[in-house]
Amino acid sequence: MSARGPDPLEAFGELVVKRKKSNHRTVRLRLFPNRYEEEALFGIGLACASLWNEISYEKRQVFFGGELTIEEG
Protein backbone atom coordinates (compact mmCIF):
# COMPACT_ATOMS: atom_id res chain seq x y z
CA MET A 1 0.00 0.00 0.00
CA SER A 2 1.38 3.39 -0.91
CA ALA A 3 1.04 6.62 1.05
CA ARG A 4 -1.84 7.63 -1.27
CA GLY A 5 -3.89 4.50 -0.62
CA PRO A 6 -4.29 1.05 -2.14
CA ASP A 7 -2.97 0.42 -5.65
CA PRO A 8 -5.95 0.36 -8.05
CA LEU A 9 -4.24 -2.15 -10.37
CA GLU A 10 -3.63 -4.51 -7.48
CA ALA A 11 -7.27 -4.21 -6.41
CA PHE A 12 -8.38 -4.85 -10.00
CA GLY A 13 -6.14 -7.93 -10.19
CA GLU A 14 -7.69 -9.29 -7.01
CA LEU A 15 -11.16 -8.65 -8.44
CA VAL A 16 -10.25 -10.52 -11.64
CA VAL A 17 -9.02 -13.54 -9.67
CA LYS A 18 -12.18 -13.48 -7.55
CA ARG A 19 -14.39 -13.30 -10.67
CA LYS A 20 -12.56 -16.19 -12.35
CA LYS A 21 -13.28 -18.37 -9.35
CA SER A 22 -16.96 -17.40 -9.28
CA ASN A 23 -17.57 -18.24 -12.99
CA HIS A 24 -19.18 -14.88 -13.82
CA ARG A 25 -18.85 -13.68 -17.38
CA THR A 26 -19.69 -10.01 -16.91
CA VAL A 27 -17.07 -7.30 -16.84
CA ARG A 28 -18.16 -3.74 -16.15
CA LEU A 29 -16.06 -0.76 -17.03
CA ARG A 30 -16.91 2.90 -16.73
CA LEU A 31 -15.41 4.89 -19.56
CA PHE A 32 -15.32 8.61 -20.18
CA PRO A 33 -14.40 8.74 -23.86
CA ASN A 34 -14.13 11.84 -26.00
CA ARG A 35 -16.15 11.96 -29.22
CA TYR A 36 -13.54 10.18 -31.36
CA GLU A 37 -12.99 7.45 -28.75
CA GLU A 38 -16.75 6.98 -28.35
CA GLU A 39 -17.16 6.40 -32.09
CA ALA A 40 -14.26 3.92 -32.09
CA LEU A 41 -15.65 2.03 -29.08
CA PHE A 42 -19.10 1.91 -30.66
CA GLY A 43 -17.58 0.42 -33.83
CA ILE A 44 -15.71 -2.19 -31.80
CA GLY A 45 -18.93 -3.06 -29.97
CA LEU A 46 -20.82 -3.50 -33.24
CA ALA A 47 -18.05 -5.72 -34.63
CA CYS A 48 -18.06 -7.87 -31.46
CA ALA A 49 -21.84 -8.24 -31.53
CA SER A 50 -21.76 -9.16 -35.21
CA LEU A 51 -19.09 -11.83 -34.67
CA TRP A 52 -20.88 -13.23 -31.64
CA ASN A 53 -24.14 -13.52 -33.58
CA GLU A 54 -22.41 -15.13 -36.56
CA ILE A 55 -20.71 -17.74 -34.39
CA SER A 56 -23.93 -18.44 -32.49
CA TYR A 57 -25.80 -18.88 -35.80
CA GLU A 58 -23.17 -21.32 -37.09
CA LYS A 59 -23.28 -23.32 -33.84
CA ARG A 60 -27.07 -23.41 -34.05
CA GLN A 61 -26.95 -24.71 -37.64
CA VAL A 62 -24.51 -27.45 -36.62
CA PHE A 63 -26.68 -28.42 -33.65
CA PHE A 64 -29.94 -28.65 -35.59
CA GLY A 65 -28.17 -30.31 -38.53
CA GLY A 66 -27.24 -33.26 -36.30
CA GLU A 67 -23.53 -32.72 -36.89
CA LEU A 68 -22.74 -31.94 -33.27
CA THR A 69 -20.11 -34.24 -31.76
CA ILE A 70 -18.63 -34.19 -28.29
CA GLU A 71 -14.87 -34.50 -28.12
CA GLU A 72 -13.20 -35.85 -25.04
CA GLY A 73 -9.91 -34.20 -24.22
C-alpha atoms as a PDB file:
ATOM      1  CA  MET A   1       0.000   0.000   0.000  1.00  0.00           C
ATOM      2  CA  SER A   2       1.379   3.391  -0.913  1.00  0.00           C
ATOM      3  CA  ALA A   3       1.035   6.618   1.046  1.00  0.00           C
ATOM      4  CA  ARG A   4      -1.844   7.632  -1.268  1.00  0.00           C
ATOM      5  CA  GLY A   5      -3.886   4.502  -0.618  1.00  0.00           C
ATOM      6  CA  PRO A   6      -4.289   1.055  -2.145  1.00  0.00           C
ATOM      7  CA  ASP A   7      -2.967   0.415  -5.650  1.00  0.00           C
ATOM      8  CA  PRO A   8      -5.950   0.357  -8.052  1.00  0.00           C
ATOM      9  CA  LEU A   9      -4.240  -2.147 -10.367  1.00  0.00           C
ATOM     10  CA  GLU A  10      -3.629  -4.505  -7.476  1.00  0.00           C
ATOM     11  CA  ALA A  11      -7.269  -4.214  -6.408  1.00  0.00           C
ATOM     12  CA  PHE A  12      -8.377  -4.854 -10.002  1.00  0.00           C
ATOM     13  CA  GLY A  13      -6.137  -7.928 -10.188  1.00  0.00           C
ATOM     14  CA  GLU A  14      -7.693  -9.290  -7.015  1.00  0.00           C
ATOM     15  CA  LEU A  15     -11.161  -8.651  -8.445  1.00  0.00           C
ATOM     16  CA  VAL A  16     -10.252 -10.524 -11.641  1.00  0.00           C
ATOM     17  CA  VAL A  17      -9.022 -13.539  -9.674  1.00  0.00           C
ATOM     18  CA  LYS A  18     -12.184 -13.484  -7.546  1.00  0.00           C
ATOM     19  CA  ARG A  19     -14.394 -13.295 -10.671  1.00  0.00           C
ATOM     20  CA  LYS A  20     -12.560 -16.188 -12.345  1.00  0.00           C
ATOM     21  CA  LYS A  21     -13.275 -18.369  -9.349  1.00  0.00           C
ATOM     22  CA  SER A  22     -16.962 -17.398  -9.280  1.00  0.00           C
ATOM     23  CA  ASN A  23     -17.573 -18.242 -12.995  1.00  0.00           C
ATOM     24  CA  HIS A  24     -19.180 -14.876 -13.819  1.00  0.00           C
ATOM     25  CA  ARG A  25     -18.853 -13.682 -17.383  1.00  0.00           C
ATOM     26  CA  THR A  26     -19.686 -10.015 -16.914  1.00  0.00           C
ATOM     27  CA  VAL A  27     -17.071  -7.300 -16.845  1.00  0.00           C
ATOM     28  CA  ARG A  28     -18.156  -3.743 -16.145  1.00  0.00           C
ATOM     29  CA  LEU A  29     -16.058  -0.756 -17.029  1.00  0.00           C
ATOM     30  CA  ARG A  30     -16.907   2.897 -16.732  1.00  0.00           C
ATOM     31  CA  LEU A  31     -15.411   4.891 -19.557  1.00  0.00           C
ATOM     32  CA  PHE A  32     -15.318   8.613 -20.178  1.00  0.00           C
ATOM     33  CA  PRO A  33     -14.397   8.743 -23.863  1.00  0.00           C
ATOM     34  CA  ASN A  34     -14.135  11.837 -25.999  1.00  0.00           C
ATOM     35  CA  ARG A  35     -16.152  11.960 -29.225  1.00  0.00           C
ATOM     36  CA  TYR A  36     -13.538  10.182 -31.359  1.00  0.00           C
ATOM     37  CA  GLU A  37     -12.993   7.449 -28.752  1.00  0.00           C
ATOM     38  CA  GLU A  38     -16.747   6.980 -28.352  1.00  0.00           C
ATOM     39  CA  GLU A  39     -17.160   6.401 -32.093  1.00  0.00           C
ATOM     40  CA  ALA A  40     -14.258   3.922 -32.087  1.00  0.00           C
ATOM     41  CA  LEU A  41     -15.647   2.029 -29.079  1.00  0.00           C
ATOM     42  CA  PHE A  42     -19.102   1.911 -30.661  1.00  0.00           C
ATOM     43  CA  GLY A  43     -17.583   0.425 -33.826  1.00  0.00           C
ATOM     44  CA  ILE A  44     -15.713  -2.188 -31.802  1.00  0.00           C
ATOM     45  CA  GLY A  45     -18.933  -3.058 -29.972  1.00  0.00           C
ATOM     46  CA  LEU A  46     -20.824  -3.498 -33.238  1.00  0.00           C
ATOM     47  CA  ALA A  47     -18.054  -5.717 -34.626  1.00  0.00           C
ATOM     48  CA  CYS A  48     -18.056  -7.866 -31.463  1.00  0.00           C
ATOM     49  CA  ALA A  49     -21.840  -8.242 -31.529  1.00  0.00           C
ATOM     50  CA  SER A  50     -21.755  -9.156 -35.206  1.00  0.00           C
ATOM     51  CA  LEU A  51     -19.085 -11.827 -34.674  1.00  0.00           C
ATOM     52  CA  TRP A  52     -20.880 -13.229 -31.638  1.00  0.00           C
ATOM     53  CA  ASN A  53     -24.139 -13.521 -33.577  1.00  0.00           C
ATOM     54  CA  GLU A  54     -22.405 -15.126 -36.557  1.00  0.00           C
ATOM     55  CA  ILE A  55     -20.706 -17.738 -34.393  1.00  0.00           C
ATOM     56  CA  SER A  56     -23.935 -18.437 -32.495  1.00  0.00           C
ATOM     57  CA  TYR A  57     -25.796 -18.884 -35.797  1.00  0.00           C
ATOM     58  CA  GLU A  58     -23.167 -21.320 -37.088  1.00  0.00           C
ATOM     59  CA  LYS A  59     -23.276 -23.323 -33.840  1.00  0.00           C
ATOM     60  CA  ARG A  60     -27.067 -23.411 -34.047  1.00  0.00           C
ATOM     61  CA  GLN A  61     -26.948 -24.709 -37.635  1.00  0.00           C
ATOM     62  CA  VAL A  62     -24.515 -27.450 -36.615  1.00  0.00           C
ATOM     63  CA  PHE A  63     -26.685 -28.419 -33.646  1.00  0.00           C
ATOM     64  CA  PHE A  64     -29.936 -28.654 -35.593  1.00  0.00           C
ATOM     65  CA  GLY A  65     -28.172 -30.315 -38.532  1.00  0.00           C
ATOM     66  CA  GLY A  66     -27.238 -33.265 -36.298  1.00  0.00           C
ATOM     67  CA  GLU A  67     -23.528 -32.721 -36.888  1.00  0.00           C
ATOM     68  CA  LEU A  68     -22.735 -31.944 -33.266  1.00  0.00           C
ATOM     69  CA  THR A  69     -20.111 -34.240 -31.761  1.00  0.00           C
ATOM     70  CA  ILE A  70     -18.628 -34.190 -28.295  1.00  0.00           C
ATOM     71  CA  GLU A  71     -14.871 -34.497 -28.123  1.00  0.00           C
ATOM     72  CA  GLU A  72     -13.197 -35.848 -25.037  1.00  0.00           C
ATOM     73  CA  GLY A  73      -9.909 -34.203 -24.222  1.00  0.00           C
END
